[in-house]
C-alpha atoms as a PDB file:
ATOM      1  CA  VAL A   1      68.034  35.087 -94.382  1.00  0.00           C
ATOM      2  CA  VAL A   2      64.782  34.990 -92.439  1.00  0.00           C
ATOM      3  CA  ARG A   3      64.715  32.788 -89.428  1.00  0.00           C
ATOM      4  CA  ARG A   4      61.501  31.508 -87.985  1.00  0.00           C
ATOM      5  CA  VAL A   5      61.188  31.648 -84.293  1.00  0.00           C
ATOM      6  CA  ALA A   6      59.294  28.801 -82.699  1.00  0.00           C
ATOM      7  CA  SER A   7      55.993  29.914 -81.233  1.00  0.00           C
ATOM      8  CA  SER A   8      55.903  29.862 -77.493  1.00  0.00           C
ATOM      9  CA  GLY A   9      52.219  28.891 -77.588  1.00  0.00           C
ATOM     10  CA  SER A  10      51.189  32.211 -76.053  1.00  0.00           C
ATOM     11  CA  THR A  11      47.784  32.144 -77.760  1.00  0.00           C
ATOM     12  CA  ARG A  12      46.787  28.808 -76.199  1.00  0.00           C
ATOM     13  CA  PRO A  13      46.494  30.031 -72.620  1.00  0.00           C
ATOM     14  CA  GLY A  14      44.305  32.881 -73.870  1.00  0.00           C
ATOM     15  CA  ARG A  15      41.992  30.517 -75.711  1.00  0.00           C
ATOM     16  CA  LEU A  16      41.975  28.094 -72.811  1.00  0.00           C
ATOM     17  CA  ALA A  17      41.111  30.895 -70.400  1.00  0.00           C
ATOM     18  CA  ILE A  18      38.206  31.999 -72.599  1.00  0.00           C
ATOM     19  CA  LEU A  19      37.007  28.427 -72.938  1.00  0.00           C
ATOM     20  CA  THR A  20      37.156  27.612 -69.230  1.00  0.00           C
ATOM     21  CA  GLY A  21      36.230  31.037 -67.940  1.00  0.00           C
ATOM     22  CA  PHE A  22      33.347  31.882 -70.250  1.00  0.00           C
ATOM     23  CA  VAL A  23      32.233  29.245 -72.758  1.00  0.00           C
ATOM     24  CA  LEU A  24      32.021  26.255 -70.422  1.00  0.00           C
ATOM     25  CA  PRO A  25      30.102  28.139 -67.688  1.00  0.00           C
ATOM     26  CA  VAL A  26      27.682  29.502 -70.303  1.00  0.00           C
ATOM     27  CA  LEU A  27      27.124  25.997 -71.696  1.00  0.00           C
ATOM     28  CA  TRP A  28      26.672  24.612 -68.157  1.00  0.00           C
ATOM     29  CA  LEU A  29      24.190  27.376 -67.312  1.00  0.00           C
ATOM     30  CA  ALA A  30      22.222  26.814 -70.531  1.00  0.00           C
ATOM     31  CA  GLY A  31      22.104  23.062 -69.893  1.00  0.00           C
ATOM     32  CA  THR A  32      20.963  23.636 -66.313  1.00  0.00           C
ATOM     33  CA  PHE A  33      18.230  25.996 -67.514  1.00  0.00           C
ATOM     34  CA  VAL A  34      16.972  23.485 -70.097  1.00  0.00           C
ATOM     35  CA  TYR A  35      16.990  20.683 -67.504  1.00  0.00           C
ATOM     36  CA  ALA A  36      15.205  22.815 -64.879  1.00  0.00           C
ATOM     37  CA  ASP A  37      12.683  24.102 -67.398  1.00  0.00           C
ATOM     38  CA  ASP A  38      11.795  20.551 -68.399  1.00  0.00           C
ATOM     39  CA  ALA A  39      11.714  19.275 -64.805  1.00  0.00           C
ATOM     40  CA  THR A  40       9.350  22.034 -63.643  1.00  0.00           C
ATOM     41  CA  ARG A  41       6.834  21.129 -66.357  1.00  0.00           C
ATOM     42  CA  LYS A  42       6.307  17.635 -64.946  1.00  0.00           C
ATOM     43  CA  VAL A  43       3.459  16.452 -62.731  1.00  0.00           C
ATOM     44  CA  GLY A  44       6.020  14.861 -60.402  1.00  0.00           C
ATOM     45  CA  PHE A  45       7.482  18.298 -59.714  1.00  0.00           C
ATOM     46  CA  CYS A  46       4.088  19.616 -58.607  1.00  0.00           C
ATOM     47  CA  ALA A  47       3.547  16.527 -56.430  1.00  0.00           C
ATOM     48  CA  ARG A  48       6.634  17.360 -54.349  1.00  0.00           C
ATOM     49  CA  CYS A  49       4.773  20.094 -52.477  1.00  0.00           C
ATOM     50  CA  HIS A  50       2.269  18.798 -49.917  1.00  0.00           C
ATOM     51  CA  GLU A  51      -0.214  21.584 -50.693  1.00  0.00           C
ATOM     52  CA  MET A  52      -0.370  20.477 -54.339  1.00  0.00           C
ATOM     53  CA  LEU A  53      -0.614  16.750 -53.625  1.00  0.00           C
ATOM     54  CA  PRO A  54      -4.471  16.644 -53.445  1.00  0.00           C
ATOM     55  CA  TYR A  55      -4.635  18.287 -56.877  1.00  0.00           C
ATOM     56  CA  VAL A  56      -2.128  15.840 -58.344  1.00  0.00           C
ATOM     57  CA  GLU A  57      -3.949  12.895 -56.743  1.00  0.00           C
ATOM     58  CA  SER A  58      -7.240  14.174 -58.173  1.00  0.00           C
ATOM     59  CA  LEU A  59      -5.892  13.489 -61.665  1.00  0.00           C
ATOM     60  CA  GLU A  60      -6.443   9.791 -61.045  1.00  0.00           C
ATOM     61  CA  ALA A  61      -9.637  10.102 -58.969  1.00  0.00           C
ATOM     62  CA  PRO A  62     -12.704   8.259 -60.264  1.00  0.00           C
ATOM     63  CA  ASP A  63     -14.862  11.383 -59.805  1.00  0.00           C
ATOM     64  CA  GLU A  64     -14.980  12.476 -63.469  1.00  0.00           C
ATOM     65  CA  SER A  65     -13.864  16.016 -62.709  1.00  0.00           C
ATOM     66  CA  LEU A  66     -12.384  17.818 -65.713  1.00  0.00           C
ATOM     67  CA  ALA A  67      -8.887  17.003 -64.510  1.00  0.00           C
ATOM     68  CA  SER A  68      -9.502  13.295 -63.985  1.00  0.00           C
ATOM     69  CA  ALA A  69     -11.570  12.952 -67.176  1.00  0.00           C
ATOM     70  CA  HIS A  70      -8.820  14.498 -69.319  1.00  0.00           C
ATOM     71  CA  TYR A  71      -6.016  12.654 -67.511  1.00  0.00           C
ATOM     72  CA  GLY A  72      -7.811   9.304 -67.501  1.00  0.00           C
ATOM     73  CA  ALA A  73      -8.625   9.510 -71.198  1.00  0.00           C
ATOM     74  CA  ASP A  74      -5.014  10.439 -72.068  1.00  0.00           C
ATOM     75  CA  ALA A  75      -6.381  13.690 -73.477  1.00  0.00           C
ATOM     76  CA  VAL A  76      -3.419  15.479 -71.885  1.00  0.00           C
ATOM     77  CA  ASP A  77       0.235  14.544 -71.698  1.00  0.00           C
ATOM     78  CA  ARG A  78       0.289  12.578 -68.428  1.00  0.00           C
ATOM     79  CA  ASP A  79       3.791  13.848 -67.643  1.00  0.00           C
ATOM     80  CA  ARG A  80       2.893  17.503 -68.198  1.00  0.00           C
ATOM     81  CA  ALA A  81      -0.805  17.743 -67.302  1.00  0.00           C
ATOM     82  CA  CYS A  82      -0.390  20.413 -64.610  1.00  0.00           C
ATOM     83  CA  TYR A  83       1.793  22.644 -66.770  1.00  0.00           C
ATOM     84  CA  ASP A  84      -0.248  22.192 -69.951  1.00  0.00           C
ATOM     85  CA  CYS A  85      -3.579  22.930 -68.269  1.00  0.00           C
ATOM     86  CA  HIS A  86      -2.321  25.835 -66.160  1.00  0.00           C
ATOM     87  CA  THR A  87      -0.267  27.660 -68.795  1.00  0.00           C
ATOM     88  CA  ARG A  88      -1.836  30.107 -71.200  1.00  0.00           C
ATOM     89  CA  PRO A  89      -0.741  29.682 -74.814  1.00  0.00           C
ATOM     90  CA  GLY A  90       2.171  31.678 -76.207  1.00  0.00           C
ATOM     91  CA  PRO A  91       5.377  33.174 -74.837  1.00  0.00           C
ATOM     92  CA  GLY A  92       3.482  35.379 -72.374  1.00  0.00           C
ATOM     93  CA  GLY A  93       1.846  32.310 -70.870  1.00  0.00           C
ATOM     94  CA  TYR A  94       5.228  30.604 -70.549  1.00  0.00           C
ATOM     95  CA  VAL A  95       6.766  33.578 -68.744  1.00  0.00           C
ATOM     96  CA  GLU A  96       3.710  33.968 -66.502  1.00  0.00           C
ATOM     97  CA  ALA A  97       3.812  30.249 -65.615  1.00  0.00           C
ATOM     98  CA  LYS A  98       7.485  30.422 -64.676  1.00  0.00           C
ATOM     99  CA  LEU A  99       7.003  33.576 -62.565  1.00  0.00           C
ATOM    100  CA  THR A 100       3.957  32.048 -60.872  1.00  0.00           C
ATOM    101  CA  GLY A 101       5.979  28.907 -60.187  1.00  0.00           C
ATOM    102  CA  LEU A 102       8.767  30.955 -58.595  1.00  0.00           C
ATOM    103  CA  HIS A 103       6.193  32.708 -56.413  1.00  0.00           C
ATOM    104  CA  ASP A 104       4.699  29.361 -55.385  1.00  0.00           C
ATOM    105  CA  LEU A 105       8.115  27.889 -54.574  1.00  0.00           C
ATOM    106  CA  ARG A 106       8.909  30.929 -52.434  1.00  0.00           C
ATOM    107  CA  ALA A 107       5.591  30.526 -50.598  1.00  0.00           C
ATOM    108  CA  HIS A 108       6.189  26.812 -50.075  1.00  0.00           C
ATOM    109  CA  TYR A 109       9.734  27.069 -48.777  1.00  0.00           C
ATOM    110  CA  LEU A 110       9.166  30.164 -46.649  1.00  0.00           C
ATOM    111  CA  GLY A 111       5.973  28.767 -45.123  1.00  0.00           C
ATOM    112  CA  ASP A 112       3.718  31.411 -46.634  1.00  0.00           C
ATOM    113  CA  VAL A 113       1.161  29.034 -48.209  1.00  0.00           C
ATOM    114  CA  PRO A 114      -2.440  30.313 -47.940  1.00  0.00           C
ATOM    115  CA  ASP A 115      -4.932  28.112 -46.092  1.00  0.00           C
ATOM    116  CA  GLU A 116      -7.059  27.837 -49.223  1.00  0.00           C
ATOM    117  CA  LEU A 117      -5.499  27.641 -52.677  1.00  0.00           C
ATOM    118  CA  ALA A 118      -7.158  29.470 -55.542  1.00  0.00           C
ATOM    119  CA  LEU A 119      -6.272  30.720 -58.977  1.00  0.00           C
ATOM    120  CA  ARG A 120      -4.889  34.244 -58.992  1.00  0.00           C
ATOM    121  CA  ARG A 121      -7.331  35.252 -61.743  1.00  0.00           C
ATOM    122  CA  LYS A 122     -10.141  33.848 -63.850  1.00  0.00           C
ATOM    123  CA  TYR A 123      -9.105  30.676 -65.668  1.00  0.00           C
ATOM    124  CA  ASP A 124      -8.056  31.595 -69.193  1.00  0.00           C
ATOM    125  CA  THR A 125     -10.296  29.888 -71.765  1.00  0.00           C
ATOM    126  CA  GLY A 126      -7.402  30.116 -74.245  1.00  0.00           C
ATOM    127  CA  THR A 127      -5.744  27.377 -72.219  1.00  0.00           C
ATOM    128  CA  CYS A 128      -8.643  25.027 -73.030  1.00  0.00           C
ATOM    129  CA  LEU A 129      -8.939  26.266 -76.599  1.00  0.00           C
ATOM    130  CA  LYS A 130      -5.318  25.513 -77.437  1.00  0.00           C
ATOM    131  CA  CYS A 131      -6.487  21.872 -77.599  1.00  0.00           C
ATOM    132  CA  HIS A 132     -10.246  22.036 -77.947  1.00  0.00           C
ATOM    133  CA  THR A 133     -10.577  24.304 -80.991  1.00  0.00           C
ATOM    134  CA  GLU A 134      -9.139  21.420 -82.988  1.00  0.00           C
ATOM    135  CA  THR A 135     -11.462  18.757 -81.548  1.00  0.00           C
ATOM    136  CA  GLN A 136     -14.599  18.050 -83.516  1.00  0.00           C
ATOM    137  CA  SER A 137     -16.690  17.548 -80.372  1.00  0.00           C
ATOM    138  CA  PHE A 138     -16.073  21.170 -79.317  1.00  0.00           C
ATOM    139  CA  GLY A 139     -17.217  22.677 -82.593  1.00  0.00           C
ATOM    140  CA  ASP A 140     -20.101  20.255 -83.056  1.00  0.00           C
ATOM    141  CA  GLU A 141     -21.483  20.637 -79.533  1.00  0.00           C
ATOM    142  CA  ALA A 142     -24.873  22.326 -79.910  1.00  0.00           C
ATOM    143  CA  MET A 143     -24.714  23.813 -76.420  1.00  0.00           C
ATOM    144  CA  HIS A 144     -21.577  25.766 -77.377  1.00  0.00           C
ATOM    145  CA  GLU A 145     -23.217  27.414 -80.392  1.00  0.00           C
ATOM    146  CA  PRO A 146     -25.056  30.300 -78.642  1.00  0.00           C
ATOM    147  CA  PHE A 147     -21.912  31.142 -76.637  1.00  0.00           C
ATOM    148  CA  MET A 148     -19.259  30.514 -79.288  1.00  0.00           C
ATOM    149  CA  ASP A 149     -18.264  34.174 -79.746  1.00  0.00           C
ATOM    150  CA  ASP A 150     -18.003  34.649 -75.981  1.00  0.00           C
ATOM    151  CA  ILE A 151     -16.028  31.412 -75.594  1.00  0.00           C
ATOM    152  CA  LEU A 152     -13.587  32.241 -78.385  1.00  0.00           C
ATOM    153  CA  SER A 153     -13.094  35.803 -77.134  1.00  0.00           C
ATOM    154  CA  GLY A 154     -12.506  34.650 -73.555  1.00  0.00           C
ATOM    155  CA  ARG A 155     -15.479  36.564 -72.149  1.00  0.00           C
ATOM    156  CA  VAL A 156     -16.850  33.245 -70.876  1.00  0.00           C
ATOM    157  CA  SER A 157     -14.627  30.757 -69.082  1.00  0.00           C
ATOM    158  CA  CYS A 158     -15.083  27.062 -69.782  1.00  0.00           C
ATOM    159  CA  LEU A 159     -15.166  26.520 -66.020  1.00  0.00           C
ATOM    160  CA  GLU A 160     -18.346  28.593 -65.738  1.00  0.00           C
ATOM    161  CA  CYS A 161     -20.283  25.708 -67.322  1.00  0.00           C
ATOM    162  CA  HIS A 162     -17.986  22.734 -66.799  1.00  0.00           C
ATOM    163  CA  GLY A 163     -17.311  23.413 -63.114  1.00  0.00           C
ATOM    164  CA  PRO A 164     -14.048  23.335 -61.225  1.00  0.00           C
ATOM    165  CA  ALA A 165     -11.294  21.282 -62.796  1.00  0.00           C
ATOM    166  CA  HIS A 166     -10.434  19.414 -59.615  1.00  0.00           C
ATOM    167  CA  ALA A 167     -12.955  17.641 -57.389  1.00  0.00           C
ATOM    168  CA  GLN A 168     -11.843  19.291 -54.156  1.00  0.00           C
ATOM    169  CA  GLY A 169     -13.008  22.668 -55.452  1.00  0.00           C
ATOM    170  CA  GLY A 170      -9.641  24.013 -56.575  1.00  0.00           C
ATOM    171  CA  GLU A 171      -9.294  25.313 -60.086  1.00  0.00           C
END
């Protein structure tokens, strides 16, 4: 005769330990990352730093700078205008934007903000083209025609002809 011995439930504490010690923290960390990633893409996040406030305010300025013209015409996502216009297309642009943001946060909180803000390198025309290659006005604009190869290759920046994006001279 075979007798069954009641299980003492010894596998439950093992599963519970894995769940509470590994799975839940991983899920919490992933959720925190997704929340932080989304929050740092918003204009309101940029506006929290006093050195960025003039640039954020320039989005609604009546000066017809590139930033205010795009923002005022709802040509950019009003919640994500800073991120969308300052992030090159593709995964490399995403990583670069996040690393640049970490650098800027370090500078802000450690008091290492330069007296004059400037882009770290020439503005990437690909950032403009991720929207403008699909707009008819870009392709139909006669003034673009002689420079189209240079524009599409990135040898010429849109800002060379269209001026600084923000009225106060920042890019």
